[in-house]
Structures are given as C-alpha cells and as structure tokens.
Amino acid sequence: MPGEPTAPAAVPGEPTDPAARGAFTEAQAPDSRAAYAGKAAQALGFARAQIGRPCVQGASGPGSYDCSGLTLAAWRAAGVVLPRTAQEQAGHGTEVPLTALEPGDLVFFHADAGHVGLYAGNGTIVHAPGPGATVREESVFFAGAQAIHSARRPA
C-alpha cells in the first residue's frame, strides 16, 4: 500500500530475515567489507612488491623482512597498525575461519603461531619464509595442511 514502509532489499551475504540482520556486526556490514577489501588490496600490493627481497630475522624493511615484519609493513602501507611479532599479530583483529579467507587476511602457522603470511587468494600466501630465503608467493600449504594454525582479519 502506498506510504507504508517496505522492507529493505536483501544484501548479498546478509540474512534475509529482518530480525536476524541485527546480528551482523559493523565489521561484517557490506560497506565495511568494501573498505576492508580496499585496504587489503593495498597491503597485498605492498607485499607483492617485496617479492625477491631477502628474509632476515628481525627485519621489517625496507630492504629485507622477517615474516611478521613483512605483514606489519604491508598493513602499515594500508594505514593499519599491527603488533610486531607473529604471536602478537595472532591475537589482533578478528578471527577468520580458514574456509572464509579473503585476500589480505593473516594466516598463522605452527602450534605457537610463530610464522605468518598474507593470504593472496587462490590458496596462496605472500610471506618471508625464513633467513636465507626471499619473500615469495606460494601455496598456503607450503609446510603441509597440519602446519596451519589460524587466520585473522586485521582491519
């Protein structure tokens, strides 16, 4: 009937039940997803630009990186501040199920979350594997599926 309010159209990924829509947090809202995707693209672009640089323990750029130094510098380029170590980064941001990874998410490895890489999409990460290696993009399963610890969305 004219003049009566109508229910808003469903947003992809949002519950269709209006009562359930209130369960969405700000971080899950579609406009926040777009903002995250933009920052994540900046972080990922930065990380990919470092491919080939040497991995050095304790380094956070610009000439060399360790794993958490790379993720810290990449997200800093997108305007997001992260803690310095992989273990500290593993407690920062929002936990993400491995089945819901998006480019830019941080993926942590080993029981102590002592290694971190930046999810690049299509089952790959950009990371600094360790001293003597170079920053590279490779399979998220580079150390085997059992090595994956968790994932976080930093922004």
Protein backbone atom coordinates (compact mmCIF):
# COMPACT_ATOMS: atom_id res chain seq x y z
CA MET A 1 0.00 0.00 0.00
CA PRO A 2 1.41 3.46 -0.86
CA GLY A 3 3.01 5.34 2.02
CA GLU A 4 3.72 2.23 4.06
CA PRO A 5 7.35 1.35 4.75
CA THR A 6 8.76 -1.53 2.77
CA ALA A 7 11.36 -3.98 3.91
CA PRO A 8 14.84 -3.13 2.61
CA ALA A 9 16.16 -5.35 -0.14
CA ALA A 10 18.38 -8.21 0.97
CA VAL A 11 22.10 -7.58 0.69
CA PRO A 12 24.20 -10.48 -0.63
CA GLY A 13 25.64 -12.35 2.32
CA GLU A 14 23.18 -10.80 4.76
CA PRO A 15 20.38 -12.82 6.36
CA THR A 16 17.04 -12.35 4.62
CA ASP A 17 15.14 -12.44 7.92
CA PRO A 18 14.97 -8.79 9.13
CA ALA A 19 15.24 -9.93 12.77
CA ALA A 20 18.49 -11.73 12.01
CA ARG A 21 20.01 -8.69 10.29
CA GLY A 22 20.67 -7.09 13.66
CA ALA A 23 23.11 -9.90 14.39
CA PHE A 24 25.55 -8.51 11.81
CA THR A 25 28.40 -6.55 13.32
CA GLU A 26 29.88 -3.42 11.79
CA ALA A 27 32.86 -5.48 10.60
CA GLN A 28 30.50 -7.70 8.61
CA ALA A 29 28.44 -4.92 7.03
CA PRO A 30 28.78 -4.71 3.24
CA ASP A 31 30.31 -1.20 3.31
CA SER A 32 32.88 -2.41 5.83
CA ARG A 33 33.65 -5.36 3.57
CA ALA A 34 34.39 -2.96 0.73
CA ALA A 35 36.61 -0.84 2.98
CA TYR A 36 38.47 -3.96 4.10
CA ALA A 37 38.90 -5.13 0.52
CA GLY A 38 40.43 -1.77 -0.41
CA LYS A 39 42.90 -1.82 2.48
CA ALA A 40 43.66 -5.48 1.88
CA ALA A 41 44.43 -4.76 -1.78
CA GLN A 42 46.89 -2.04 -0.70
CA ALA A 43 48.55 -4.39 1.82
CA LEU A 44 48.75 -7.20 -0.70
CA GLY A 45 50.13 -4.91 -3.39
CA PHE A 46 52.84 -3.76 -0.99
CA ALA A 47 53.69 -7.34 -0.01
CA ARG A 48 53.89 -8.48 -3.62
CA ALA A 49 56.22 -5.57 -4.41
CA GLN A 50 58.64 -7.06 -1.84
CA ILE A 51 58.86 -10.44 -3.59
CA GLY A 52 62.51 -11.34 -4.08
CA ARG A 53 63.80 -9.31 -1.12
CA PRO A 54 65.88 -11.23 1.42
CA CYS A 55 64.46 -12.72 4.59
CA VAL A 56 66.41 -11.60 7.65
CA GLN A 57 65.48 -12.39 11.26
CA GLY A 58 64.13 -9.27 12.99
CA ALA A 59 63.90 -7.18 9.79
CA SER A 60 60.85 -5.07 8.97
CA GLY A 61 62.00 -3.40 5.75
CA PRO A 62 62.55 -1.74 3.53
CA GLY A 63 65.45 -3.86 2.23
CA SER A 64 64.67 -7.14 4.00
CA TYR A 65 61.93 -8.72 6.10
CA ASP A 66 61.08 -11.46 8.52
CA CYS A 67 57.57 -12.91 8.35
CA SER A 68 55.88 -10.56 10.80
CA GLY A 69 57.94 -7.59 9.63
CA LEU A 70 56.51 -8.12 6.15
CA THR A 71 52.89 -8.29 7.33
CA LEU A 72 53.43 -5.30 9.63
CA ALA A 73 54.90 -3.21 6.79
CA ALA A 74 52.25 -4.34 4.30
CA TRP A 75 49.34 -3.40 6.53
CA ARG A 76 51.07 -0.18 7.62
CA ALA A 77 51.13 0.79 3.92
CA ALA A 78 47.32 0.43 4.05
CA GLY A 79 47.07 2.58 7.18
CA VAL A 80 46.60 -0.26 9.68
CA VAL A 81 48.89 -0.68 12.69
CA LEU A 82 49.79 -4.24 13.68
CA PRO A 83 51.88 -5.52 16.58
CA ARG A 84 55.47 -6.53 15.73
CA THR A 85 55.60 -10.32 16.25
CA ALA A 86 53.61 -13.12 14.63
CA GLN A 87 52.34 -14.28 18.04
CA GLU A 88 51.11 -10.76 18.86
CA GLN A 89 49.52 -10.42 15.41
CA ALA A 90 47.72 -13.74 16.00
CA GLY A 91 45.75 -12.02 18.77
CA HIS A 92 44.95 -8.90 16.75
CA GLY A 93 41.85 -8.30 14.62
CA THR A 94 39.01 -10.71 14.01
CA GLU A 95 39.40 -14.48 13.83
CA VAL A 96 38.53 -15.89 10.41
CA PRO A 97 37.62 -19.50 9.62
CA LEU A 98 40.07 -20.97 7.13
CA THR A 99 37.13 -21.67 4.83
CA ALA A 100 36.36 -17.92 4.66
CA LEU A 101 39.80 -16.49 3.90
CA GLU A 102 39.89 -13.29 1.86
CA PRO A 103 42.93 -11.63 0.28
CA GLY A 104 44.78 -9.64 2.94
CA ASP A 105 43.92 -11.95 5.84
CA LEU A 106 46.82 -13.05 8.01
CA VAL A 107 47.46 -16.80 8.09
CA PHE A 108 49.42 -18.19 11.02
CA PHE A 109 51.43 -21.38 11.10
CA HIS A 110 52.74 -23.87 13.66
CA ALA A 111 51.42 -24.61 17.15
CA ASP A 112 52.90 -21.40 18.53
CA ALA A 113 51.64 -19.17 15.65
CA GLY A 114 55.31 -18.37 15.11
CA HIS A 115 55.02 -17.77 11.37
CA VAL A 116 52.64 -15.51 9.45
CA GLY A 117 51.83 -14.82 5.81
CA LEU A 118 49.42 -12.58 3.95
CA TYR A 119 46.67 -14.50 2.15
CA ALA A 120 46.80 -13.61 -1.56
CA GLY A 121 43.79 -15.59 -2.79
CA ASN A 122 43.60 -18.81 -4.79
CA GLY A 123 45.23 -20.80 -1.98
CA THR A 124 48.43 -18.75 -1.87
CA ILE A 125 50.21 -16.51 0.63
CA VAL A 126 52.93 -13.89 0.34
CA HIS A 127 55.45 -14.42 3.13
CA ALA A 128 59.04 -14.25 4.23
CA PRO A 129 59.77 -17.97 4.76
CA GLY A 130 62.90 -17.56 6.87
CA PRO A 131 66.54 -16.46 6.98
CA GLY A 132 68.41 -17.25 3.79
CA ALA A 133 65.23 -17.32 1.67
CA THR A 134 63.50 -14.49 -0.17
CA VAL A 135 59.99 -13.07 0.11
CA ARG A 136 57.76 -15.17 -2.13
CA GLU A 137 54.21 -16.09 -3.05
CA GLU A 138 53.45 -19.77 -2.69
CA SER A 139 50.82 -22.27 -1.61
CA VAL A 140 49.26 -21.77 1.82
CA PHE A 141 50.12 -25.47 2.24
CA PHE A 142 53.88 -24.89 1.77
CA ALA A 143 54.52 -26.58 5.14
CA GLY A 144 51.59 -29.01 4.92
CA ALA A 145 47.97 -28.55 5.96
CA GLN A 146 48.74 -29.57 9.54
CA ALA A 147 51.04 -26.56 9.94
CA ILE A 148 48.20 -24.01 9.52
CA HIS A 149 47.30 -22.62 12.94
CA SER A 150 44.67 -19.92 12.40
CA ALA A 151 43.76 -16.79 10.47
CA ARG A 152 42.89 -13.20 11.41
CA ARG A 153 41.42 -10.23 9.60
CA PRO A 154 43.46 -7.26 10.81
CA ALA A 155 41.23 -4.33 9.77
